[in-house]
Every structure is written in structure tokens, then in C-alpha cells.
């Protein structure tokens, strides 16, 4: 069995087989893929923010620094469904980029809590309020939260009712509702279009859009599956399972009768992870996994990443 190391990438034969059955790119809305594209590449993050927030002139970001996401509030319901990148620009303005992977009834209230927590957290006790810097939260959602007459990219901030002028403008919000974005490749014109298209469609494409800006093409290159190490692929699959676990709890609470189909889907995903890691899975073990219940599969998934052999996974 080949040792799994950080430098261990897929060999040519494995790539050929994978290309026959899988899309070319990983999903950028996955936690691991999202952070691999943006947190590791300052220029891509600046391009994404400048284009989607439509920052021009002296508002344009020319320098960026990533901040620890521990500054953001953590809730149990958001732990696996929300992916965060926190950064600051050359003026000290702070930006939260997040991907929301499930519907939340209280989402609008939660993002306002998020932004206000970050805004107030800039000051120490009895500090100078003039030191406070603006905070912008950019949220990318898999679903719609606003009425149909609100565009797929919308901007929100406080304005005075009569004059329509913003005086309380230190906290602002932008939302990308991917379900409303219906542009095809031939309709893409701006850098903004190409970034949003990538966030929605990359996982289903065989080729990156031909006329995409260079920084967007670079992002597609990062998402190419054959360039990822085995450990990175495993981490990606673990992130998918983490989200599935979170969604599973919600759906099970709502509809008990649909549990069987979801269990089979999770079992199939776990088997795929094991094939990536160990290549060959005995038929009797595949059969055993497919017959496991939800609790047994959850226990199995928690052991896969650190397991050195199949025996480490099947402790019983």
C-alpha cells in the first residue's frame, strides 16, 4: 500500500480513470476548496471583493491582510454550514466573506449580529470610538432569501428615510443569491459575472470559460481535482460529510420517513473516501457499510481521516 503523504498526488492512470467519471473541478462552496482558493491567494481575494462589491476609485482594495476568524461569533447551528474568510484592507476596513450552505430561518438577523460583533470588537474597553473602521459582510447563498424583484447581487446599508442619504454607513451588507443567477457562459461580460458563475457552476464544468479574466482562470486551476494531494482530497470529502451530518440532523427531525435514502447516500460517500485512501475495498466491507445505520456511519466517518489501515476504521 502506498504511503499517504502531503506530496502524494494522483498518478497518471488514476487521473485518466477519474476524468471518465468525475467533473473536472471541486466545488468552491466546499469549506476546504473555498479557503484553498481565497485564503491562500491574496490577489484572488482582492479581485473577488473588488468586483462583487463593485469597488472603484479610492474605494478599491489594493492591499489585504487575513485576520483570524476566531474574532467572529460561533454558534452551533452555523458551525458546519457557514464558511468564513475575514480580512482587512489598506484603510483598515474589514470584510467578511461567507458561504451559506443551508437555509436558516434567522439568517438575516444572524448576519447583522455577525457584523455588529466584529464592528464593536475592534475597540478595547473605554477606547476611542473614532478608531472604529467600517465592516462589510459579503454573503454567498445557495438559495434565495429576498423576494424575486431583488437582484441576485444586492447591497444593503442604513439610509435616512426622507433624504435617502446614508449617515450611518459603517456596517453594510452584500448578498449573492446563486439561485437567481441564471447567466450562461455566453452571457458573461464582467469580472463580477465570471466570479459568480464560478461559485455556482464550477463543480459541473469540464472547461473554464474561455474568456474569463486571468485571476478567475487561476481559481479554476486551483480547483482542478488532479492537482490536489490525497490528503487535500480527503479533507474535502470530510468537509462534505460534516455538512451532510449537519443537514442530516435537520432533515431527520423534519421527515423521519426519508432517512433510508439519505443513509445510503452517506454510505456511498464514505466508501468513495475509503477508495481514494486505500484504493481497494473488499466486497464484504462494502456490503457492511451499506447496511449500517446513521449512528454507525457517523462513527465510521470520524475515524477515516486518521486511519492508517482499513482495520483502524472498522474497530469492531
C-alpha atoms as a PDB file:
ATOM      1  CA  UNK A   1       0.000   0.000   0.000  1.00  0.00           C
ATOM      2  CA  UNK A   2       1.358   3.428  -0.937  1.00  0.00           C
ATOM      3  CA  UNK A   3       2.036   5.784   1.991  1.00  0.00           C
ATOM      4  CA  UNK A   4      -0.249   8.835   2.085  1.00  0.00           C
ATOM      5  CA  UNK A   5       1.928  11.946   2.287  1.00  0.00           C
ATOM      6  CA  UNK A   6       1.318  15.622   1.586  1.00  0.00           C
ATOM      7  CA  UNK A   7       3.309  15.372  -1.638  1.00  0.00           C
ATOM      8  CA  UNK A   8       1.453  12.294  -2.841  1.00  0.00           C
ATOM      9  CA  UNK A   9      -0.617  13.346  -5.857  1.00  0.00           C
ATOM     10  CA  UNK A  10      -2.670  11.145  -8.155  1.00  0.00           C
ATOM     11  CA  UNK A  11      -0.684   9.233 -10.753  1.00  0.00           C
ATOM     12  CA  UNK A  12      -1.462   9.401 -14.491  1.00  0.00           C
ATOM     13  CA  UNK A  13      -3.563   6.226 -14.559  1.00  0.00           C
ATOM     14  CA  UNK A  14      -5.705   7.383 -11.647  1.00  0.00           C
ATOM     15  CA  UNK A  15      -6.231  10.785 -13.275  1.00  0.00           C
ATOM     16  CA  UNK A  16      -7.410   9.153 -16.515  1.00  0.00           C
ATOM     17  CA  UNK A  17      -9.924   6.974 -14.677  1.00  0.00           C
ATOM     18  CA  UNK A  18     -11.158   9.877 -12.563  1.00  0.00           C
ATOM     19  CA  UNK A  19     -11.684  12.085 -15.610  1.00  0.00           C
ATOM     20  CA  UNK A  20     -14.008   9.494 -17.159  1.00  0.00           C
ATOM     21  CA  UNK A  21     -16.474   9.629 -14.272  1.00  0.00           C
ATOM     22  CA  UNK A  22     -15.986  12.902 -12.390  1.00  0.00           C
ATOM     23  CA  UNK A  23     -16.367  16.612 -13.111  1.00  0.00           C
ATOM     24  CA  UNK A  24     -13.033  18.383 -13.537  1.00  0.00           C
ATOM     25  CA  UNK A  25     -13.285  20.850 -10.658  1.00  0.00           C
ATOM     26  CA  UNK A  26     -14.022  20.677  -6.965  1.00  0.00           C
ATOM     27  CA  UNK A  27     -16.932  22.730  -5.648  1.00  0.00           C
ATOM     28  CA  UNK A  28     -15.687  26.164  -4.481  1.00  0.00           C
ATOM     29  CA  UNK A  29     -18.545  26.298  -1.964  1.00  0.00           C
ATOM     30  CA  UNK A  30     -16.913  23.476  -0.017  1.00  0.00           C
ATOM     31  CA  UNK A  31     -15.025  24.752   3.057  1.00  0.00           C
ATOM     32  CA  UNK A  32     -11.661  23.282   2.040  1.00  0.00           C
ATOM     33  CA  UNK A  33     -11.899  24.378  -1.608  1.00  0.00           C
ATOM     34  CA  UNK A  34     -13.180  27.856  -0.743  1.00  0.00           C
ATOM     35  CA  UNK A  35     -10.282  28.556   1.603  1.00  0.00           C
ATOM     36  CA  UNK A  36      -7.737  26.974  -0.753  1.00  0.00           C
ATOM     37  CA  UNK A  37      -8.774  29.456  -3.464  1.00  0.00           C
ATOM     38  CA  UNK A  38      -9.121  32.590  -1.364  1.00  0.00           C
ATOM     39  CA  UNK A  39      -7.183  32.371   1.912  1.00  0.00           C
ATOM     40  CA  UNK A  40      -4.042  31.162   0.131  1.00  0.00           C
ATOM     41  CA  UNK A  41      -4.206  33.765  -2.658  1.00  0.00           C
ATOM     42  CA  UNK A  42      -4.398  37.448  -1.730  1.00  0.00           C
ATOM     43  CA  UNK A  43      -4.716  38.616  -5.357  1.00  0.00           C
ATOM     44  CA  UNK A  44      -7.744  36.402  -5.968  1.00  0.00           C
ATOM     45  CA  UNK A  45      -9.465  37.628  -2.813  1.00  0.00           C
ATOM     46  CA  UNK A  46      -8.896  41.258  -3.800  1.00  0.00           C
ATOM     47  CA  UNK A  47     -10.278  40.616  -7.289  1.00  0.00           C
ATOM     48  CA  UNK A  48     -13.312  38.818  -5.896  1.00  0.00           C
ATOM     49  CA  UNK A  49     -14.105  41.600  -3.389  1.00  0.00           C
ATOM     50  CA  UNK A  50     -13.430  44.492  -5.768  1.00  0.00           C
ATOM     51  CA  UNK A  51     -15.640  43.008  -8.488  1.00  0.00           C
ATOM     52  CA  UNK A  52     -18.573  41.693  -6.436  1.00  0.00           C
ATOM     53  CA  UNK A  53     -18.674  44.727  -4.106  1.00  0.00           C
ATOM     54  CA  UNK A  54     -18.150  46.997  -7.145  1.00  0.00           C
ATOM     55  CA  UNK A  55     -15.331  48.919  -5.503  1.00  0.00           C
ATOM     56  CA  UNK A  56     -13.763  51.544  -7.751  1.00  0.00           C
ATOM     57  CA  UNK A  57     -11.502  54.584  -7.474  1.00  0.00           C
ATOM     58  CA  UNK A  58     -10.234  55.267  -3.962  1.00  0.00           C
ATOM     59  CA  UNK A  59     -12.601  52.593  -2.597  1.00  0.00           C
ATOM     60  CA  UNK A  60     -10.763  49.846  -4.489  1.00  0.00           C
ATOM     61  CA  UNK A  61      -8.824  47.367  -2.362  1.00  0.00           C
ATOM     62  CA  UNK A  62      -5.107  47.380  -3.226  1.00  0.00           C
ATOM     63  CA  UNK A  63      -3.763  45.593  -0.162  1.00  0.00           C
ATOM     64  CA  UNK A  64      -5.278  42.924   2.031  1.00  0.00           C
ATOM     65  CA  UNK A  65      -4.424  41.055   5.216  1.00  0.00           C
ATOM     66  CA  UNK A  66      -6.229  37.992   6.508  1.00  0.00           C
ATOM     67  CA  UNK A  67      -7.446  38.020  10.099  1.00  0.00           C
ATOM     68  CA  UNK A  68      -8.164  35.052  12.401  1.00  0.00           C
ATOM     69  CA  UNK A  69     -11.812  34.002  12.152  1.00  0.00           C
ATOM     70  CA  UNK A  70     -11.828  33.445  15.921  1.00  0.00           C
ATOM     71  CA  UNK A  71     -12.886  37.097  16.068  1.00  0.00           C
ATOM     72  CA  UNK A  72     -16.265  36.072  14.680  1.00  0.00           C
ATOM     73  CA  UNK A  73     -19.074  34.754  16.882  1.00  0.00           C
ATOM     74  CA  UNK A  74     -19.609  30.983  16.729  1.00  0.00           C
ATOM     75  CA  UNK A  75     -22.986  29.297  17.035  1.00  0.00           C
ATOM     76  CA  UNK A  76     -23.760  25.594  16.955  1.00  0.00           C
ATOM     77  CA  UNK A  77     -26.146  25.913  14.013  1.00  0.00           C
ATOM     78  CA  UNK A  78     -23.624  27.813  11.899  1.00  0.00           C
ATOM     79  CA  UNK A  79     -20.598  25.658  12.699  1.00  0.00           C
ATOM     80  CA  UNK A  80     -20.665  23.469   9.592  1.00  0.00           C
ATOM     81  CA  UNK A  81     -22.979  25.331   7.232  1.00  0.00           C
ATOM     82  CA  UNK A  82     -21.119  28.656   7.076  1.00  0.00           C
ATOM     83  CA  UNK A  83     -17.615  29.195   5.716  1.00  0.00           C
ATOM     84  CA  UNK A  84     -15.789  32.361   6.701  1.00  0.00           C
ATOM     85  CA  UNK A  85     -12.905  34.443   5.420  1.00  0.00           C
ATOM     86  CA  UNK A  86     -12.097  37.577   7.402  1.00  0.00           C
ATOM     87  CA  UNK A  87      -9.732  40.240   6.070  1.00  0.00           C
ATOM     88  CA  UNK A  88      -8.844  43.920   6.237  1.00  0.00           C
ATOM     89  CA  UNK A  89      -7.740  46.354   3.516  1.00  0.00           C
ATOM     90  CA  UNK A  90      -5.179  49.159   3.324  1.00  0.00           C
ATOM     91  CA  UNK A  91      -7.553  51.546   5.147  1.00  0.00           C
ATOM     92  CA  UNK A  92      -8.371  49.152   7.971  1.00  0.00           C
ATOM     93  CA  UNK A  93     -11.861  48.407   6.614  1.00  0.00           C
ATOM     94  CA  UNK A  94     -12.868  44.848   7.469  1.00  0.00           C
ATOM     95  CA  UNK A  95     -14.589  42.341   5.201  1.00  0.00           C
ATOM     96  CA  UNK A  96     -16.281  39.042   5.980  1.00  0.00           C
ATOM     97  CA  UNK A  97     -16.781  36.678   3.059  1.00  0.00           C
ATOM     98  CA  UNK A  98     -19.011  33.742   3.867  1.00  0.00           C
ATOM     99  CA  UNK A  99     -20.735  30.927   2.027  1.00  0.00           C
ATOM    100  CA  UNK A 100     -24.072  29.824   3.456  1.00  0.00           C
ATOM    101  CA  UNK A 101     -24.753  26.189   2.636  1.00  0.00           C
ATOM    102  CA  UNK A 102     -28.143  25.691   4.214  1.00  0.00           C
ATOM    103  CA  UNK A 103     -31.341  27.625   4.764  1.00  0.00           C
ATOM    104  CA  UNK A 104     -31.668  29.362   8.133  1.00  0.00           C
ATOM    105  CA  UNK A 105     -34.902  30.960   9.251  1.00  0.00           C
ATOM    106  CA  UNK A 106     -32.990  33.545  11.293  1.00  0.00           C
ATOM    107  CA  UNK A 107     -30.231  34.205   8.756  1.00  0.00           C
ATOM    108  CA  UNK A 108     -30.821  37.943   8.221  1.00  0.00           C
ATOM    109  CA  UNK A 109     -30.744  38.540  11.971  1.00  0.00           C
ATOM    110  CA  UNK A 110     -27.633  36.392  12.334  1.00  0.00           C
ATOM    111  CA  UNK A 111     -25.580  38.297   9.733  1.00  0.00           C
ATOM    112  CA  UNK A 112     -26.407  41.595  11.434  1.00  0.00           C
ATOM    113  CA  UNK A 113     -25.214  40.100  14.728  1.00  0.00           C
ATOM    114  CA  UNK A 114     -22.085  38.918  12.931  1.00  0.00           C
ATOM    115  CA  UNK A 115     -21.225  42.335  11.541  1.00  0.00           C
ATOM    116  CA  UNK A 116     -22.037  44.225  14.745  1.00  0.00           C
ATOM    117  CA  UNK A 117     -19.927  41.796  16.796  1.00  0.00           C
ATOM    118  CA  UNK A 118     -16.921  42.397  14.529  1.00  0.00           C
ATOM    119  CA  UNK A 119     -17.520  46.163  14.493  1.00  0.00           C
ATOM    120  CA  UNK A 120     -17.736  46.565  18.277  1.00  0.00           C
ATOM    121  CA  UNK A 121     -14.912  44.075  18.820  1.00  0.00           C
ATOM    122  CA  UNK A 122     -12.403  46.496  17.270  1.00  0.00           C
ATOM    123  CA  UNK A 123     -12.281  48.549  20.482  1.00  0.00           C
ATOM    124  CA  UNK A 124     -10.816  47.817  23.851  1.00  0.00           C
ATOM    125  CA  UNK A 125     -12.754  48.942  26.939  1.00  0.00           C
ATOM    126  CA  UNK A 126     -13.166  52.782  27.101  1.00  0.00           C
ATOM    127  CA  UNK A 127     -11.317  53.206  23.804  1.00  0.00           C
ATOM    128  CA  UNK A 128     -11.799  55.988  21.212  1.00  0.00           C
ATOM    129  CA  UNK A 129     -14.918  55.337  19.087  1.00  0.00           C
ATOM    130  CA  UNK A 130     -13.362  57.317  16.230  1.00  0.00           C
ATOM    131  CA  UNK A 131     -10.993  54.391  15.761  1.00  0.00           C
ATOM    132  CA  UNK A 132     -13.843  52.173  14.554  1.00  0.00           C
ATOM    133  CA  UNK A 133     -13.488  51.118  10.912  1.00  0.00           C
ATOM    134  CA  UNK A 134     -16.293  50.092   8.538  1.00  0.00           C
ATOM    135  CA  UNK A 135     -17.307  46.439   8.292  1.00  0.00           C
ATOM    136  CA  UNK A 136     -18.765  44.852   5.144  1.00  0.00           C
ATOM    137  CA  UNK A 137     -20.262  41.359   5.102  1.00  0.00           C
ATOM    138  CA  UNK A 138     -20.461  39.594   1.727  1.00  0.00           C
ATOM    139  CA  UNK A 139     -22.653  36.512   1.836  1.00  0.00           C
ATOM    140  CA  UNK A 140     -22.870  33.884  -0.914  1.00  0.00           C
ATOM    141  CA  UNK A 141     -26.017  31.801  -0.582  1.00  0.00           C
ATOM    142  CA  UNK A 142     -27.091  28.591  -2.286  1.00  0.00           C
ATOM    143  CA  UNK A 143     -30.718  29.705  -2.011  1.00  0.00           C
ATOM    144  CA  UNK A 144     -32.829  32.862  -2.113  1.00  0.00           C
ATOM    145  CA  UNK A 145     -33.701  34.884   0.975  1.00  0.00           C
ATOM    146  CA  UNK A 146     -35.166  38.013  -0.642  1.00  0.00           C
ATOM    147  CA  UNK A 147     -38.190  38.439  -2.969  1.00  0.00           C
ATOM    148  CA  UNK A 148     -37.778  37.825  -6.701  1.00  0.00           C
ATOM    149  CA  UNK A 149     -37.665  41.537  -7.509  1.00  0.00           C
ATOM    150  CA  UNK A 150     -34.374  41.827  -5.588  1.00  0.00           C
ATOM    151  CA  UNK A 151     -31.399  41.117  -7.882  1.00  0.00           C
ATOM    152  CA  UNK A 152     -29.048  38.150  -7.434  1.00  0.00           C
ATOM    153  CA  UNK A 153     -26.473  40.665  -6.141  1.00  0.00           C
ATOM    154  CA  UNK A 154     -27.941  43.153  -3.692  1.00  0.00           C
ATOM    155  CA  UNK A 155     -26.453  45.802  -1.396  1.00  0.00           C
ATOM    156  CA  UNK A 156     -27.866  46.873   1.964  1.00  0.00           C
ATOM    157  CA  UNK A 157     -26.998  49.734   4.331  1.00  0.00           C
ATOM    158  CA  UNK A 158     -28.726  52.274   6.561  1.00  0.00           C
ATOM    159  CA  UNK A 159     -30.185  55.398   4.940  1.00  0.00           C
ATOM    160  CA  UNK A 160     -32.141  58.376   6.260  1.00  0.00           C
ATOM    161  CA  UNK A 161     -35.755  57.836   5.214  1.00  0.00           C
ATOM    162  CA  UNK A 162     -36.546  61.256   3.695  1.00  0.00           C
ATOM    163  CA  UNK A 163     -33.265  62.200   2.007  1.00  0.00           C
ATOM    164  CA  UNK A 164     -32.203  58.616   1.101  1.00  0.00           C
ATOM    165  CA  UNK A 165     -28.685  59.562   2.246  1.00  0.00           C
ATOM    166  CA  UNK A 166     -26.576  57.221   4.357  1.00  0.00           C
ATOM    167  CA  UNK A 167     -25.139  58.740   7.513  1.00  0.00           C
ATOM    168  CA  UNK A 168     -24.812  55.509   9.493  1.00  0.00           C
ATOM    169  CA  UNK A 169     -22.693  53.656   6.979  1.00  0.00           C
ATOM    170  CA  UNK A 170     -20.046  51.799   8.986  1.00  0.00           C
ATOM    171  CA  UNK A 171     -21.868  48.477   8.591  1.00  0.00           C
ATOM    172  CA  UNK A 172     -23.007  47.284   5.176  1.00  0.00           C
ATOM    173  CA  UNK A 173     -24.054  44.007   3.611  1.00  0.00           C
ATOM    174  CA  UNK A 174     -23.961  42.409   0.166  1.00  0.00           C
ATOM    175  CA  UNK A 175     -25.741  39.185  -0.752  1.00  0.00           C
ATOM    176  CA  UNK A 176     -25.164  36.941  -3.753  1.00  0.00           C
ATOM    177  CA  UNK A 177     -28.178  34.642  -4.184  1.00  0.00           C
ATOM    178  CA  UNK A 178     -26.806  31.994  -6.544  1.00  0.00           C
ATOM    179  CA  UNK A 179     -30.247  30.529  -7.263  1.00  0.00           C
ATOM    180  CA  UNK A 180     -31.159  33.802  -9.010  1.00  0.00           C
ATOM    181  CA  UNK A 181     -28.008  33.943 -11.147  1.00  0.00           C
ATOM    182  CA  UNK A 182     -29.053  32.418 -14.484  1.00  0.00           C
ATOM    183  CA  UNK A 183     -26.388  33.713 -16.863  1.00  0.00           C
ATOM    184  CA  UNK A 184     -24.863  31.251 -19.320  1.00  0.00           C
ATOM    185  CA  UNK A 185     -21.208  31.289 -20.404  1.00  0.00           C
ATOM    186  CA  UNK A 186     -22.037  33.396 -23.458  1.00  0.00           C
ATOM    187  CA  UNK A 187     -23.739  35.990 -21.242  1.00  0.00           C
ATOM    188  CA  UNK A 188     -20.718  36.597 -19.011  1.00  0.00           C
ATOM    189  CA  UNK A 189     -19.201  40.058 -19.509  1.00  0.00           C
ATOM    190  CA  UNK A 190     -17.634  41.437 -16.325  1.00  0.00           C
ATOM    191  CA  UNK A 191     -15.170  40.032 -13.803  1.00  0.00           C
ATOM    192  CA  UNK A 192     -18.105  40.008 -11.372  1.00  0.00           C
ATOM    193  CA  UNK A 193     -20.067  37.742 -13.742  1.00  0.00           C
ATOM    194  CA  UNK A 194     -17.187  35.286 -14.094  1.00  0.00           C
ATOM    195  CA  UNK A 195     -16.610  35.038 -10.329  1.00  0.00           C
ATOM    196  CA  UNK A 196     -20.281  34.434  -9.535  1.00  0.00           C
ATOM    197  CA  UNK A 197     -20.571  31.904 -12.376  1.00  0.00           C
ATOM    198  CA  UNK A 198     -17.566  30.038 -10.964  1.00  0.00           C
ATOM    199  CA  UNK A 199     -19.083  29.904  -7.466  1.00  0.00           C
ATOM    200  CA  UNK A 200     -22.298  28.444  -8.856  1.00  0.00           C
ATOM    201  CA  UNK A 201     -21.201  26.234 -11.751  1.00  0.00           C
ATOM    202  CA  UNK A 202     -17.540  25.200 -11.358  1.00  0.00           C
ATOM    203  CA  UNK A 203     -18.363  21.778  -9.922  1.00  0.00           C
ATOM    204  CA  UNK A 204     -20.344  20.898 -13.081  1.00  0.00           C
ATOM    205  CA  UNK A 205     -17.913  22.119 -15.763  1.00  0.00           C
ATOM    206  CA  UNK A 206     -15.365  20.296 -17.897  1.00  0.00           C
ATOM    207  CA  UNK A 207     -13.636  23.516 -19.020  1.00  0.00           C
ATOM    208  CA  UNK A 208     -13.231  27.002 -17.568  1.00  0.00           C
ATOM    209  CA  UNK A 209     -14.896  29.800 -19.585  1.00  0.00           C
ATOM    210  CA  UNK A 210     -12.549  30.709 -22.423  1.00  0.00           C
ATOM    211  CA  UNK A 211     -12.751  34.476 -21.935  1.00  0.00           C
ATOM    212  CA  UNK A 212     -12.575  34.531 -18.133  1.00  0.00           C
ATOM    213  CA  UNK A 213     -10.124  37.045 -16.613  1.00  0.00           C
ATOM    214  CA  UNK A 214      -6.736  35.582 -15.714  1.00  0.00           C
ATOM    215  CA  UNK A 215      -7.381  35.663 -11.962  1.00  0.00           C
ATOM    216  CA  UNK A 216     -10.621  33.686 -12.405  1.00  0.00           C
ATOM    217  CA  UNK A 217      -8.827  31.173 -14.622  1.00  0.00           C
ATOM    218  CA  UNK A 218      -6.235  30.839 -11.865  1.00  0.00           C
ATOM    219  CA  UNK A 219      -9.028  29.989  -9.416  1.00  0.00           C
ATOM    220  CA  UNK A 220     -10.316  27.266 -11.753  1.00  0.00           C
ATOM    221  CA  UNK A 221      -6.794  25.886 -11.933  1.00  0.00           C
ATOM    222  CA  UNK A 222      -6.642  25.667  -8.142  1.00  0.00           C
ATOM    223  CA  UNK A 223      -9.937  23.767  -8.137  1.00  0.00           C
ATOM    224  CA  UNK A 224      -8.760  21.125 -10.627  1.00  0.00           C
ATOM    225  CA  UNK A 225      -9.077  17.765  -8.915  1.00  0.00           C
ATOM    226  CA  UNK A 226      -5.965  16.114 -10.308  1.00  0.00           C
ATOM    227  CA  UNK A 227      -3.755  18.835  -8.782  1.00  0.00           C
ATOM    228  CA  UNK A 228      -4.847  18.070  -5.227  1.00  0.00           C
ATOM    229  CA  UNK A 229      -2.906  15.743  -2.940  1.00  0.00           C
ATOM    230  CA  UNK A 230      -4.620  12.735  -1.401  1.00  0.00           C
ATOM    231  CA  UNK A 231      -4.761  14.450   1.971  1.00  0.00           C
ATOM    232  CA  UNK A 232      -6.398  17.511   0.429  1.00  0.00           C
ATOM    233  CA  UNK A 233      -8.962  15.326  -1.328  1.00  0.00           C
ATOM    234  CA  UNK A 234      -9.710  13.550   1.937  1.00  0.00           C
ATOM    235  CA  UNK A 235     -10.110  16.850   3.761  1.00  0.00           C
ATOM    236  CA  UNK A 236     -12.505  17.988   1.016  1.00  0.00           C
ATOM    237  CA  UNK A 237     -14.612  14.845   1.408  1.00  0.00           C
ATOM    238  CA  UNK A 238     -14.568  15.211   5.203  1.00  0.00           C
ATOM    239  CA  UNK A 239     -15.931  18.737   4.836  1.00  0.00           C
ATOM    240  CA  UNK A 240     -18.730  17.383   2.641  1.00  0.00           C
ATOM    241  CA  UNK A 241     -19.569  14.790   5.259  1.00  0.00           C
ATOM    242  CA  UNK A 242     -19.505  17.398   8.018  1.00  0.00           C
ATOM    243  CA  UNK A 243     -22.116  19.414   6.159  1.00  0.00           C
ATOM    244  CA  UNK A 244     -24.129  16.276   5.433  1.00  0.00           C
ATOM    245  CA  UNK A 245     -24.119  15.431   9.149  1.00  0.00           C
ATOM    246  CA  UNK A 246     -25.436  18.895   9.954  1.00  0.00           C
ATOM    247  CA  UNK A 247     -28.131  18.767   7.290  1.00  0.00           C
ATOM    248  CA  UNK A 248     -28.985  15.208   8.225  1.00  0.00           C
ATOM    249  CA  UNK A 249     -29.901  16.195  11.761  1.00  0.00           C
ATOM    250  CA  UNK A 250     -32.257  18.890  10.478  1.00  0.00           C
ATOM    251  CA  UNK A 251     -33.917  16.745   7.845  1.00  0.00           C
ATOM    252  CA  UNK A 252     -34.309  13.783  10.161  1.00  0.00           C
ATOM    253  CA  UNK A 253     -36.077  15.994  12.651  1.00  0.00           C
ATOM    254  CA  UNK A 254     -38.447  17.153   9.912  1.00  0.00           C
ATOM    255  CA  UNK A 255     -39.076  13.988   7.938  1.00  0.00           C
ATOM    256  CA  UNK A 256     -38.251  10.681   9.608  1.00  0.00           C
ATOM    257  CA  UNK A 257     -39.583   8.678   6.692  1.00  0.00           C
ATOM    258  CA  UNK A 258     -36.842   9.791   4.302  1.00  0.00           C
ATOM    259  CA  UNK A 259     -33.970   8.522   6.448  1.00  0.00           C
ATOM    260  CA  UNK A 260     -33.231   5.400   4.412  1.00  0.00           C
ATOM    261  CA  UNK A 261     -32.338   7.227   1.180  1.00  0.00           C
ATOM    262  CA  UNK A 262     -30.081   9.700   2.971  1.00  0.00           C
ATOM    263  CA  UNK A 263     -28.297   6.902   4.827  1.00  0.00           C
ATOM    264  CA  UNK A 264     -27.489   5.135   1.560  1.00  0.00           C
ATOM    265  CA  UNK A 265     -26.087   8.387   0.130  1.00  0.00           C
ATOM    266  CA  UNK A 266     -23.806   8.899   3.106  1.00  0.00           C
ATOM    267  CA  UNK A 267     -22.636   5.270   2.994  1.00  0.00           C
ATOM    268  CA  UNK A 268     -21.751   5.640  -0.690  1.00  0.00           C
ATOM    269  CA  UNK A 269     -19.752   8.795   0.035  1.00  0.00           C
ATOM    270  CA  UNK A 270     -17.808   7.115   2.844  1.00  0.00           C
ATOM    271  CA  UNK A 271     -16.942   4.222   0.560  1.00  0.00           C
ATOM    272  CA  UNK A 272     -15.653   6.692  -2.046  1.00  0.00           C
ATOM    273  CA  UNK A 273     -13.371   8.295   0.544  1.00  0.00           C
ATOM    274  CA  UNK A 274     -12.044   4.870   1.505  1.00  0.00           C
ATOM    275  CA  UNK A 275     -11.346   4.062  -2.148  1.00  0.00           C
ATOM    276  CA  UNK A 276      -9.380   7.308  -2.510  1.00  0.00           C
ATOM    277  CA  UNK A 277      -7.341   6.478   0.574  1.00  0.00           C
ATOM    278  CA  UNK A 278      -6.928   2.696   0.320  1.00  0.00           C
ATOM    279  CA  UNK A 279      -7.751   2.078  -3.377  1.00  0.00           C
ATOM    280  CA  UNK A 280      -9.248  -1.419  -2.919  1.00  0.00           C
ATOM    281  CA  UNK A 281     -12.164  -2.114  -0.561  1.00  0.00           C
ATOM    282  CA  UNK A 282     -13.132  -5.787  -0.053  1.00  0.00           C
ATOM    283  CA  UNK A 283     -16.643  -6.584  -1.218  1.00  0.00           C
ATOM    284  CA  UNK A 284     -17.740  -7.794   2.222  1.00  0.00           C
ATOM    285  CA  UNK A 285     -16.704  -4.486   3.783  1.00  0.00           C
ATOM    286  CA  UNK A 286     -18.632  -2.528   1.143  1.00  0.00           C
ATOM    287  CA  UNK A 287     -21.689  -4.607   1.932  1.00  0.00           C
ATOM    288  CA  UNK A 288     -21.239  -3.992   5.671  1.00  0.00           C
ATOM    289  CA  UNK A 289     -21.008  -0.222   5.187  1.00  0.00           C
ATOM    290  CA  UNK A 290     -24.124  -0.115   3.016  1.00  0.00           C
ATOM    291  CA  UNK A 291     -26.075  -1.875   5.785  1.00  0.00           C
ATOM    292  CA  UNK A 292     -25.004   0.499   8.578  1.00  0.00           C
ATOM    293  CA  UNK A 293     -27.423   2.917  10.228  1.00  0.00           C
ATOM    294  CA  UNK A 294     -26.874   6.669  10.610  1.00  0.00           C
ATOM    295  CA  UNK A 295     -25.124   6.430  14.003  1.00  0.00           C
ATOM    296  CA  UNK A 296     -22.764   3.713  12.786  1.00  0.00           C
ATOM    297  CA  UNK A 297     -21.881   5.732   9.677  1.00  0.00           C
ATOM    298  CA  UNK A 298     -21.183   8.838  11.768  1.00  0.00           C
ATOM    299  CA  UNK A 299     -18.822   6.849  13.978  1.00  0.00           C
ATOM    300  CA  UNK A 300     -17.145   5.427  10.880  1.00  0.00           C
ATOM    301  CA  UNK A 301     -16.655   8.858   9.302  1.00  0.00           C
ATOM    302  CA  UNK A 302     -14.935  10.194  12.422  1.00  0.00           C
ATOM    303  CA  UNK A 303     -12.206   7.515  12.094  1.00  0.00           C
ATOM    304  CA  UNK A 304     -11.476   7.652   8.362  1.00  0.00           C
ATOM    305  CA  UNK A 305      -9.127  10.631   8.109  1.00  0.00           C
ATOM    306  CA  UNK A 306      -6.633   9.429  10.742  1.00  0.00           C
ATOM    307  CA  UNK A 307      -6.836   5.748   9.879  1.00  0.00           C
ATOM    308  CA  UNK A 308      -3.655   4.104   8.589  1.00  0.00           C
ATOM    309  CA  UNK A 309      -5.350   0.846   7.542  1.00  0.00           C
ATOM    310  CA  UNK A 310      -8.881  -0.426   6.972  1.00  0.00           C
ATOM    311  CA  UNK A 311      -8.652  -2.202  10.342  1.00  0.00           C
ATOM    312  CA  UNK A 312      -8.323   1.209  12.018  1.00  0.00           C
ATOM    313  CA  UNK A 313     -11.702   2.197  10.596  1.00  0.00           C
ATOM    314  CA  UNK A 314     -13.558  -0.986  11.399  1.00  0.00           C
ATOM    315  CA  UNK A 315     -12.668  -1.142  15.070  1.00  0.00           C
ATOM    316  CA  UNK A 316     -15.413  -3.588  15.876  1.00  0.00           C
END
